[in-house]
Amino acid sequence: MSEELERQVPEVAPRSKFREYAEALAIAVVLALVIRTYIIQAFKIPSGSMEETLQIGDHLLVNKFIYGTKLPFTDTRILALRDVQRGDVIVFRYPEDETKFFIKRVIGLPGDTIEVVNKVVYLNGEPYITPTAHNDDPNIYPAELMPRDNLGRVTVPDDSYFVMGDNRDHSLDSRYWGFVKRQKIQGKAVIIYWSGTRLGRIGNLM
């Protein structure tokens, strides 16, 4: 006489709605943190140092992986798509207060020499024109008073960059406080996704 054994599958209690919502929220938070930390981050422009390229109140997205993903708790970067290039608009930690983020345009790469003579920027001994840059103050100050209009020749160190604002007469940049270290760069500005000044600026690429 034989008996047929019935395989029993333990019943699984249905998850509560609260647990489902909590799990979905946790996943969303983790994804948001990963995206913000490694992929893209939103910033708002608080000053006029990059006018007219960027205006006060502009909201922009910054590509955080183009220069490489930073490993957690280190300054080491991996999987870079490309290196920092002259002309890039970058977001970085302000060297004199790393709790603040600044945005400027890259002018000098490692090994370059930079000099400013009567508001004219010289790159490796030749005048360097940035089409988006402008000066609106006719006064020219000597280097002894301030480095805005006259800056003695400096050489950009390894793993560092010389940056300036497009609004040259109203920008606190490398002329005043020196170079940006490679590991302090957060990413490259890519697009304006909202503007508090003109809707026509939305979608402008950097």
C-alpha atoms as a PDB file:
ATOM      1  CA  MET A   1       0.000   0.000   0.000  1.00  0.00           C
ATOM      2  CA  SER A   2       1.452   3.318  -0.950  1.00  0.00           C
ATOM      3  CA  GLU A   3       0.694   6.775   0.133  1.00  0.00           C
ATOM      4  CA  GLU A   4       1.069   9.863  -2.004  1.00  0.00           C
ATOM      5  CA  LEU A   5       2.847  12.554  -0.087  1.00  0.00           C
ATOM      6  CA  GLU A   6       1.558  16.061  -0.623  1.00  0.00           C
ATOM      7  CA  ARG A   7       4.203  18.735  -0.754  1.00  0.00           C
ATOM      8  CA  GLN A   8       3.240  21.578   1.453  1.00  0.00           C
ATOM      9  CA  VAL A   9       4.353  25.135   0.714  1.00  0.00           C
ATOM     10  CA  PRO A  10       4.382  27.393   3.739  1.00  0.00           C
ATOM     11  CA  GLU A  11       1.999  30.270   3.415  1.00  0.00           C
ATOM     12  CA  VAL A  12       3.496  33.721   3.246  1.00  0.00           C
ATOM     13  CA  ALA A  13       1.654  36.399   5.100  1.00  0.00           C
ATOM     14  CA  PRO A  14       0.775  39.333   2.852  1.00  0.00           C
ATOM     15  CA  ARG A  15       2.831  42.466   3.476  1.00  0.00           C
ATOM     16  CA  SER A  16       1.050  45.389   5.004  1.00  0.00           C
ATOM     17  CA  LYS A  17       0.487  48.542   2.980  1.00  0.00           C
ATOM     18  CA  PHE A  18       2.621  50.464   5.460  1.00  0.00           C
ATOM     19  CA  ARG A  19       5.571  48.124   4.899  1.00  0.00           C
ATOM     20  CA  GLU A  20       5.219  48.399   1.122  1.00  0.00           C
ATOM     21  CA  TYR A  21       5.201  52.197   1.296  1.00  0.00           C
ATOM     22  CA  ALA A  22       8.160  52.198   3.691  1.00  0.00           C
ATOM     23  CA  GLU A  23      10.207  49.934   1.414  1.00  0.00           C
ATOM     24  CA  ALA A  24       9.371  52.027  -1.670  1.00  0.00           C
ATOM     25  CA  LEU A  25      10.340  55.208   0.192  1.00  0.00           C
ATOM     26  CA  ALA A  26      13.615  53.678   1.389  1.00  0.00           C
ATOM     27  CA  ILE A  27      14.522  52.614  -2.164  1.00  0.00           C
ATOM     28  CA  ALA A  28      13.682  56.074  -3.481  1.00  0.00           C
ATOM     29  CA  VAL A  29      15.839  57.732  -0.823  1.00  0.00           C
ATOM     30  CA  VAL A  30      18.789  55.446  -1.563  1.00  0.00           C
ATOM     31  CA  LEU A  31      18.495  56.071  -5.304  1.00  0.00           C
ATOM     32  CA  ALA A  32      18.286  59.824  -4.736  1.00  0.00           C
ATOM     33  CA  LEU A  33      21.395  59.755  -2.555  1.00  0.00           C
ATOM     34  CA  VAL A  34      23.321  57.690  -5.105  1.00  0.00           C
ATOM     35  CA  ILE A  35      22.300  60.013  -7.950  1.00  0.00           C
ATOM     36  CA  ARG A  36      23.150  63.136  -5.931  1.00  0.00           C
ATOM     37  CA  THR A  37      26.482  61.752  -4.733  1.00  0.00           C
ATOM     38  CA  TYR A  38      27.796  60.139  -7.902  1.00  0.00           C
ATOM     39  CA  ILE A  39      25.815  61.220 -10.957  1.00  0.00           C
ATOM     40  CA  ILE A  40      24.175  64.636 -10.996  1.00  0.00           C
ATOM     41  CA  GLN A  41      23.372  67.410  -8.545  1.00  0.00           C
ATOM     42  CA  ALA A  42      21.355  70.613  -8.667  1.00  0.00           C
ATOM     43  CA  PHE A  43      22.784  74.000  -7.664  1.00  0.00           C
ATOM     44  CA  LYS A  44      21.380  77.523  -7.487  1.00  0.00           C
ATOM     45  CA  ILE A  45      23.455  80.558  -8.499  1.00  0.00           C
ATOM     46  CA  PRO A  46      23.677  83.007  -5.555  1.00  0.00           C
ATOM     47  CA  SER A  47      25.939  85.717  -7.016  1.00  0.00           C
ATOM     48  CA  GLY A  48      26.675  87.585 -10.232  1.00  0.00           C
ATOM     49  CA  SER A  49      30.286  86.468 -10.709  1.00  0.00           C
ATOM     50  CA  MET A  50      29.399  84.436 -13.833  1.00  0.00           C
ATOM     51  CA  GLU A  51      27.038  86.928 -15.518  1.00  0.00           C
ATOM     52  CA  GLU A  52      25.893  86.892 -18.271  1.00  0.00           C
ATOM     53  CA  THR A  53      26.581  83.169 -18.667  1.00  0.00           C
ATOM     54  CA  LEU A  54      24.834  82.436 -15.378  1.00  0.00           C
ATOM     55  CA  GLN A  55      22.592  84.869 -13.560  1.00  0.00           C
ATOM     56  CA  ILE A  56      21.516  85.159  -9.957  1.00  0.00           C
ATOM     57  CA  GLY A  57      18.622  82.758  -9.427  1.00  0.00           C
ATOM     58  CA  ASP A  58      19.556  80.344 -12.214  1.00  0.00           C
ATOM     59  CA  HIS A  59      19.216  76.673 -11.276  1.00  0.00           C
ATOM     60  CA  LEU A  60      21.594  74.280 -13.012  1.00  0.00           C
ATOM     61  CA  LEU A  61      22.500  70.621 -13.114  1.00  0.00           C
ATOM     62  CA  VAL A  62      26.087  69.543 -12.542  1.00  0.00           C
ATOM     63  CA  ASN A  63      27.530  66.347 -14.035  1.00  0.00           C
ATOM     64  CA  LYS A  64      29.445  64.708 -11.175  1.00  0.00           C
ATOM     65  CA  PHE A  65      30.797  61.647 -13.005  1.00  0.00           C
ATOM     66  CA  ILE A  66      32.340  63.237 -16.118  1.00  0.00           C
ATOM     67  CA  TYR A  67      35.676  63.757 -14.312  1.00  0.00           C
ATOM     68  CA  GLY A  68      35.451  60.400 -12.547  1.00  0.00           C
ATOM     69  CA  THR A  69      33.501  58.927  -9.647  1.00  0.00           C
ATOM     70  CA  LYS A  70      35.001  59.677  -6.247  1.00  0.00           C
ATOM     71  CA  LEU A  71      35.402  56.612  -4.030  1.00  0.00           C
ATOM     72  CA  PRO A  72      33.640  56.983  -0.661  1.00  0.00           C
ATOM     73  CA  PHE A  73      35.718  58.610   2.109  1.00  0.00           C
ATOM     74  CA  THR A  74      38.645  59.260  -0.261  1.00  0.00           C
ATOM     75  CA  ASP A  75      39.767  61.776  -2.890  1.00  0.00           C
ATOM     76  CA  THR A  76      40.463  58.987  -5.398  1.00  0.00           C
ATOM     77  CA  ARG A  77      38.469  59.097  -8.645  1.00  0.00           C
ATOM     78  CA  ILE A  78      37.799  56.235 -11.057  1.00  0.00           C
ATOM     79  CA  LEU A  79      36.028  55.778 -14.413  1.00  0.00           C
ATOM     80  CA  ALA A  80      36.594  59.323 -15.671  1.00  0.00           C
ATOM     81  CA  LEU A  81      34.957  60.077 -19.026  1.00  0.00           C
ATOM     82  CA  ARG A  82      37.465  62.873 -19.670  1.00  0.00           C
ATOM     83  CA  ASP A  83      39.755  65.266 -17.846  1.00  0.00           C
ATOM     84  CA  VAL A  84      39.032  68.877 -16.972  1.00  0.00           C
ATOM     85  CA  GLN A  85      39.366  71.082 -20.061  1.00  0.00           C
ATOM     86  CA  ARG A  86      40.044  74.778 -20.489  1.00  0.00           C
ATOM     87  CA  GLY A  87      36.732  76.596 -20.772  1.00  0.00           C
ATOM     88  CA  ASP A  88      34.761  74.146 -18.606  1.00  0.00           C
ATOM     89  CA  VAL A  89      32.419  75.740 -16.083  1.00  0.00           C
ATOM     90  CA  ILE A  90      33.008  73.806 -12.873  1.00  0.00           C
ATOM     91  CA  VAL A  91      31.582  73.628  -9.368  1.00  0.00           C
ATOM     92  CA  PHE A  92      34.123  73.145  -6.587  1.00  0.00           C
ATOM     93  CA  ARG A  93      34.624  73.546  -2.865  1.00  0.00           C
ATOM     94  CA  TYR A  94      35.842  77.054  -2.060  1.00  0.00           C
ATOM     95  CA  PRO A  95      39.473  76.620  -0.878  1.00  0.00           C
ATOM     96  CA  GLU A  96      39.113  79.096   1.996  1.00  0.00           C
ATOM     97  CA  ASP A  97      35.836  77.603   3.282  1.00  0.00           C
ATOM     98  CA  GLU A  98      35.071  74.098   2.041  1.00  0.00           C
ATOM     99  CA  THR A  99      31.505  74.242   3.323  1.00  0.00           C
ATOM    100  CA  LYS A 100      30.782  76.583   0.390  1.00  0.00           C
ATOM    101  CA  PHE A 101      30.545  75.735  -3.309  1.00  0.00           C
ATOM    102  CA  PHE A 102      31.817  78.125  -6.007  1.00  0.00           C
ATOM    103  CA  ILE A 103      31.264  78.053  -9.755  1.00  0.00           C
ATOM    104  CA  LYS A 104      33.840  79.476 -12.188  1.00  0.00           C
ATOM    105  CA  ARG A 105      35.352  78.898 -15.626  1.00  0.00           C
ATOM    106  CA  VAL A 106      38.628  76.996 -16.045  1.00  0.00           C
ATOM    107  CA  ILE A 107      41.330  79.227 -17.570  1.00  0.00           C
ATOM    108  CA  GLY A 108      44.623  77.553 -16.658  1.00  0.00           C
ATOM    109  CA  LEU A 109      45.500  73.834 -16.698  1.00  0.00           C
ATOM    110  CA  PRO A 110      48.410  72.204 -14.838  1.00  0.00           C
ATOM    111  CA  GLY A 111      51.700  73.632 -16.122  1.00  0.00           C
ATOM    112  CA  ASP A 112      50.146  76.741 -17.710  1.00  0.00           C
ATOM    113  CA  THR A 113      51.391  80.220 -16.843  1.00  0.00           C
ATOM    114  CA  ILE A 114      48.810  82.917 -16.129  1.00  0.00           C
ATOM    115  CA  GLU A 115      49.317  86.675 -15.967  1.00  0.00           C
ATOM    116  CA  VAL A 116      46.873  89.598 -15.901  1.00  0.00           C
ATOM    117  CA  VAL A 117      48.031  92.989 -17.225  1.00  0.00           C
ATOM    118  CA  ASN A 118      45.560  95.886 -17.177  1.00  0.00           C
ATOM    119  CA  LYS A 119      42.603  93.450 -17.225  1.00  0.00           C
ATOM    120  CA  VAL A 120      44.013  91.397 -20.140  1.00  0.00           C
ATOM    121  CA  VAL A 121      44.601  87.724 -19.314  1.00  0.00           C
ATOM    122  CA  TYR A 122      47.789  86.179 -20.714  1.00  0.00           C
ATOM    123  CA  LEU A 123      47.963  82.414 -21.053  1.00  0.00           C
ATOM    124  CA  ASN A 124      51.451  81.027 -21.627  1.00  0.00           C
ATOM    125  CA  GLY A 125      52.583  84.472 -22.732  1.00  0.00           C
ATOM    126  CA  GLU A 126      49.757  85.106 -25.220  1.00  0.00           C
ATOM    127  CA  PRO A 127      46.534  87.111 -24.737  1.00  0.00           C
ATOM    128  CA  TYR A 128      43.700  84.727 -23.928  1.00  0.00           C
ATOM    129  CA  ILE A 129      40.193  85.853 -24.852  1.00  0.00           C
ATOM    130  CA  THR A 130      37.131  84.240 -23.312  1.00  0.00           C
ATOM    131  CA  PRO A 131      34.154  85.269 -25.513  1.00  0.00           C
ATOM    132  CA  THR A 132      31.721  85.145 -22.578  1.00  0.00           C
ATOM    133  CA  ALA A 133      33.918  87.247 -20.258  1.00  0.00           C
ATOM    134  CA  HIS A 134      33.546  90.989 -19.816  1.00  0.00           C
ATOM    135  CA  ASN A 135      34.707  93.967 -17.756  1.00  0.00           C
ATOM    136  CA  ASP A 136      32.361  96.800 -16.814  1.00  0.00           C
ATOM    137  CA  ASP A 137      34.558  98.867 -14.484  1.00  0.00           C
ATOM    138  CA  PRO A 138      36.803 101.328 -16.375  1.00  0.00           C
ATOM    139  CA  ASN A 139      39.090 101.722 -13.354  1.00  0.00           C
ATOM    140  CA  ILE A 140      42.364  99.790 -13.433  1.00  0.00           C
ATOM    141  CA  TYR A 141      43.979  99.065 -10.084  1.00  0.00           C
ATOM    142  CA  PRO A 142      47.661  98.258  -9.515  1.00  0.00           C
ATOM    143  CA  ALA A 143      48.667  94.854  -8.185  1.00  0.00           C
ATOM    144  CA  GLU A 144      49.769  96.456  -4.916  1.00  0.00           C
ATOM    145  CA  LEU A 145      46.171  97.453  -4.245  1.00  0.00           C
ATOM    146  CA  MET A 146      44.376  94.340  -5.495  1.00  0.00           C
ATOM    147  CA  PRO A 147      45.056  91.507  -7.997  1.00  0.00           C
ATOM    148  CA  ARG A 148      41.847  92.030  -9.991  1.00  0.00           C
ATOM    149  CA  ASP A 149      43.347  93.959 -12.911  1.00  0.00           C
ATOM    150  CA  ASN A 150      47.046  93.158 -12.566  1.00  0.00           C
ATOM    151  CA  LEU A 151      48.406  89.816 -11.440  1.00  0.00           C
ATOM    152  CA  GLY A 152      52.032  88.754 -11.669  1.00  0.00           C
ATOM    153  CA  ARG A 153      52.836  85.617 -13.629  1.00  0.00           C
ATOM    154  CA  VAL A 154      51.961  82.372 -11.829  1.00  0.00           C
ATOM    155  CA  THR A 155      52.376  78.738 -12.861  1.00  0.00           C
ATOM    156  CA  VAL A 156      49.499  76.334 -12.276  1.00  0.00           C
ATOM    157  CA  PRO A 157      50.689  73.399 -10.101  1.00  0.00           C
ATOM    158  CA  ASP A 158      50.070  69.715 -10.858  1.00  0.00           C
ATOM    159  CA  ASP A 159      46.512  68.530 -10.192  1.00  0.00           C
ATOM    160  CA  SER A 160      45.322  72.132  -9.911  1.00  0.00           C
ATOM    161  CA  TYR A 161      43.465  74.696 -12.015  1.00  0.00           C
ATOM    162  CA  PHE A 162      43.269  78.473 -12.374  1.00  0.00           C
ATOM    163  CA  VAL A 163      39.654  79.647 -12.558  1.00  0.00           C
ATOM    164  CA  MET A 164      37.928  82.975 -13.184  1.00  0.00           C
ATOM    165  CA  GLY A 165      34.388  84.300 -13.284  1.00  0.00           C
ATOM    166  CA  ASP A 166      33.017  85.613 -16.587  1.00  0.00           C
ATOM    167  CA  ASN A 167      32.021  88.837 -14.819  1.00  0.00           C
ATOM    168  CA  ARG A 168      35.698  89.674 -14.390  1.00  0.00           C
ATOM    169  CA  ASP A 169      35.377  92.872 -12.324  1.00  0.00           C
ATOM    170  CA  HIS A 170      33.013  91.260  -9.819  1.00  0.00           C
ATOM    171  CA  SER A 171      34.414  87.779  -9.267  1.00  0.00           C
ATOM    172  CA  LEU A 172      36.244  86.344  -6.269  1.00  0.00           C
ATOM    173  CA  ASP A 173      38.425  83.796  -8.054  1.00  0.00           C
ATOM    174  CA  SER A 174      41.960  82.422  -8.494  1.00  0.00           C
ATOM    175  CA  ARG A 175      43.359  85.936  -8.812  1.00  0.00           C
ATOM    176  CA  TYR A 176      42.598  86.393  -5.108  1.00  0.00           C
ATOM    177  CA  TRP A 177      42.914  82.994  -3.423  1.00  0.00           C
ATOM    178  CA  GLY A 178      44.955  80.786  -5.746  1.00  0.00           C
ATOM    179  CA  PHE A 179      44.264  77.440  -7.407  1.00  0.00           C
ATOM    180  CA  VAL A 180      41.530  74.801  -7.283  1.00  0.00           C
ATOM    181  CA  LYS A 181      42.753  71.334  -6.361  1.00  0.00           C
ATOM    182  CA  ARG A 182      41.580  68.532  -8.656  1.00  0.00           C
ATOM    183  CA  GLN A 183      40.019  66.560  -5.804  1.00  0.00           C
ATOM    184  CA  LYS A 184      37.905  69.543  -4.725  1.00  0.00           C
ATOM    185  CA  ILE A 185      36.038  69.730  -8.040  1.00  0.00           C
ATOM    186  CA  GLN A 186      32.459  68.488  -7.720  1.00  0.00           C
ATOM    187  CA  GLY A 187      31.633  68.373 -11.414  1.00  0.00           C
ATOM    188  CA  LYS A 188      30.923  70.239 -14.642  1.00  0.00           C
ATOM    189  CA  ALA A 189      27.899  72.501 -15.102  1.00  0.00           C
ATOM    190  CA  VAL A 190      25.825  71.165 -17.996  1.00  0.00           C
ATOM    191  CA  ILE A 191      22.414  72.827 -18.274  1.00  0.00           C
ATOM    192  CA  ILE A 192      20.142  75.475 -16.759  1.00  0.00           C
ATOM    193  CA  TYR A 193      16.912  73.709 -15.790  1.00  0.00           C
ATOM    194  CA  TRP A 194      15.181  76.728 -14.246  1.00  0.00           C
ATOM    195  CA  SER A 195      15.761  80.470 -14.274  1.00  0.00           C
ATOM    196  CA  GLY A 196      14.316  83.067 -11.970  1.00  0.00           C
ATOM    197  CA  THR A 197      15.110  85.808 -14.495  1.00  0.00           C
ATOM    198  CA  ARG A 198      14.031  84.676 -17.974  1.00  0.00           C
ATOM    199  CA  LEU A 199      12.235  81.522 -19.033  1.00  0.00           C
ATOM    200  CA  GLY A 200      14.153  81.644 -22.305  1.00  0.00           C
ATOM    201  CA  ARG A 201      17.306  80.710 -20.404  1.00  0.00           C
ATOM    202  CA  ILE A 202      15.889  77.317 -19.442  1.00  0.00           C
ATOM    203  CA  GLY A 203      17.689  74.585 -21.367  1.00  0.00           C
ATOM    204  CA  ASN A 204      20.828  76.645 -22.008  1.00  0.00           C
ATOM    205  CA  LEU A 205      23.867  74.387 -22.154  1.00  0.00           C
ATOM    206  CA  MET A 206      27.208  75.280 -20.564  1.00  0.00           C
END
